[in-house]
Amino acid sequence: MSEQKLQFIDRISSTFGTSLEMTDEQGTSRIFDLLAEFQIEAKAYAVVVQEENGEIDVLRITDNAQGEPQLETIEEDEEWENVMELYDEVAFSDELEEDQ
């Protein structure tokens, strides 16, 4: 996947801001901070960190019936790993450039 281009976007932040309250399948609400959102080819993703425990996750950005962006869990492990790997490459390359 590293040959693919990652393009940063702002669909979630421009609609909801960077602090997101999300509810899981059990009805538990949690606060997440939006770290980044980007598009790879035709799919869009958001990287979030849970405020409570610092756990980082990547979610897919889709549109609901009204055409508004929403976040959904990535069910396929391979897709999740590939997207997170590509994001890490970009994020860490930016950090390396800033350190030099």
Protein backbone atom coordinates (compact mmCIF):
# COMPACT_ATOMS: atom_id res chain seq x y z
CA MET A 1 0.00 0.00 0.00
CA SER A 2 2.98 2.34 0.40
CA GLU A 3 2.88 3.18 -3.34
CA GLN A 4 -0.53 4.80 -2.82
CA LYS A 5 -0.81 8.50 -2.14
CA LEU A 6 -2.30 9.79 1.08
CA GLN A 7 -4.10 13.12 0.81
CA PHE A 8 -5.11 14.97 3.98
CA ILE A 9 -8.73 16.16 4.13
CA ASP A 10 -10.98 17.89 6.68
CA ARG A 11 -14.46 16.38 6.31
CA ILE A 12 -14.87 15.33 9.96
CA SER A 13 -13.14 18.31 11.58
CA SER A 14 -15.04 20.85 9.48
CA THR A 15 -18.36 19.19 10.42
CA PHE A 16 -17.83 18.04 14.03
CA GLY A 17 -14.58 19.64 15.25
CA THR A 18 -11.59 17.73 16.60
CA SER A 19 -13.10 16.42 19.85
CA LEU A 20 -15.58 13.66 19.02
CA GLU A 21 -18.04 11.88 21.31
CA MET A 22 -18.78 8.43 19.94
CA THR A 23 -21.04 5.66 21.22
CA ASP A 24 -20.08 2.00 20.85
CA GLU A 25 -22.35 -1.00 20.23
CA GLN A 26 -23.00 -1.36 23.98
CA GLY A 27 -24.20 2.25 24.25
CA THR A 28 -21.08 3.52 26.06
CA SER A 29 -20.04 7.05 25.08
CA ARG A 30 -16.36 7.94 24.85
CA ILE A 31 -14.45 11.06 23.85
CA PHE A 32 -11.88 10.83 21.07
CA ASP A 33 -9.48 13.43 19.70
CA LEU A 34 -9.14 13.56 15.94
CA LEU A 35 -5.45 13.24 15.04
CA ALA A 36 -5.75 13.20 11.24
CA GLU A 37 -8.12 12.51 8.40
CA PHE A 38 -7.06 11.57 4.92
CA GLN A 39 -8.07 9.94 1.68
CA ILE A 40 -6.39 7.04 -0.09
CA GLU A 41 -7.76 6.64 -3.61
CA ALA A 42 -11.57 6.59 -3.19
CA LYS A 43 -11.69 5.78 0.56
CA ALA A 44 -11.41 8.25 3.43
CA TYR A 45 -10.13 7.53 6.95
CA ALA A 46 -9.79 9.21 10.34
CA VAL A 47 -7.15 8.50 12.99
CA VAL A 48 -8.47 9.09 16.50
CA VAL A 49 -7.10 8.71 20.01
CA GLN A 50 -9.32 7.84 22.95
CA GLU A 51 -8.92 10.47 25.69
CA GLU A 52 -9.47 7.94 28.49
CA ASN A 53 -6.65 5.51 27.67
CA GLY A 54 -4.64 7.01 24.78
CA GLU A 55 -5.53 4.12 22.47
CA ILE A 56 -5.20 5.04 18.78
CA ASP A 57 -7.62 3.71 16.18
CA VAL A 58 -8.30 4.27 12.50
CA LEU A 59 -11.89 4.49 11.26
CA ARG A 60 -13.40 4.72 7.79
CA ILE A 61 -15.23 7.93 6.84
CA THR A 62 -18.46 7.29 4.95
CA ASP A 63 -21.58 9.34 4.20
CA ASN A 64 -24.91 8.78 5.92
CA ALA A 65 -28.26 8.95 4.10
CA GLN A 66 -28.24 12.77 4.36
CA GLY A 67 -24.78 12.98 2.77
CA GLU A 68 -23.06 13.95 6.04
CA PRO A 69 -19.77 12.30 7.02
CA GLN A 70 -19.83 9.57 9.64
CA LEU A 71 -17.25 7.20 11.10
CA GLU A 72 -17.40 3.42 10.98
CA THR A 73 -15.21 0.63 12.23
CA ILE A 74 -12.94 -1.08 9.71
CA GLU A 75 -13.86 -4.76 9.93
CA GLU A 76 -11.03 -6.18 7.81
CA ASP A 77 -7.73 -6.49 9.69
CA GLU A 78 -5.69 -6.20 6.49
CA GLU A 79 -7.32 -2.91 5.49
CA TRP A 80 -6.86 -1.49 9.03
CA GLU A 81 -3.18 -2.51 9.14
CA ASN A 82 -2.44 -1.18 5.64
CA VAL A 83 -4.06 2.19 6.34
CA MET A 84 -2.36 2.56 9.73
CA GLU A 85 1.00 1.60 8.23
CA LEU A 86 0.67 4.23 5.50
CA TYR A 87 -0.39 6.87 8.03
CA ASP A 88 2.58 5.97 10.29
CA GLU A 89 4.98 6.36 7.36
CA VAL A 90 3.67 9.86 6.68
CA ALA A 91 3.39 10.89 10.34
CA PHE A 92 6.87 9.67 11.27
CA SER A 93 8.48 11.12 8.13
CA ASP A 94 7.03 14.54 9.11
CA GLU A 95 8.49 14.17 12.62
CA LEU A 96 11.89 13.24 11.20
CA GLU A 97 11.87 16.28 8.91
CA GLU A 98 10.99 18.57 11.86
CA ASP A 99 13.84 17.12 13.97
CA GLN A 100 16.44 17.83 11.31
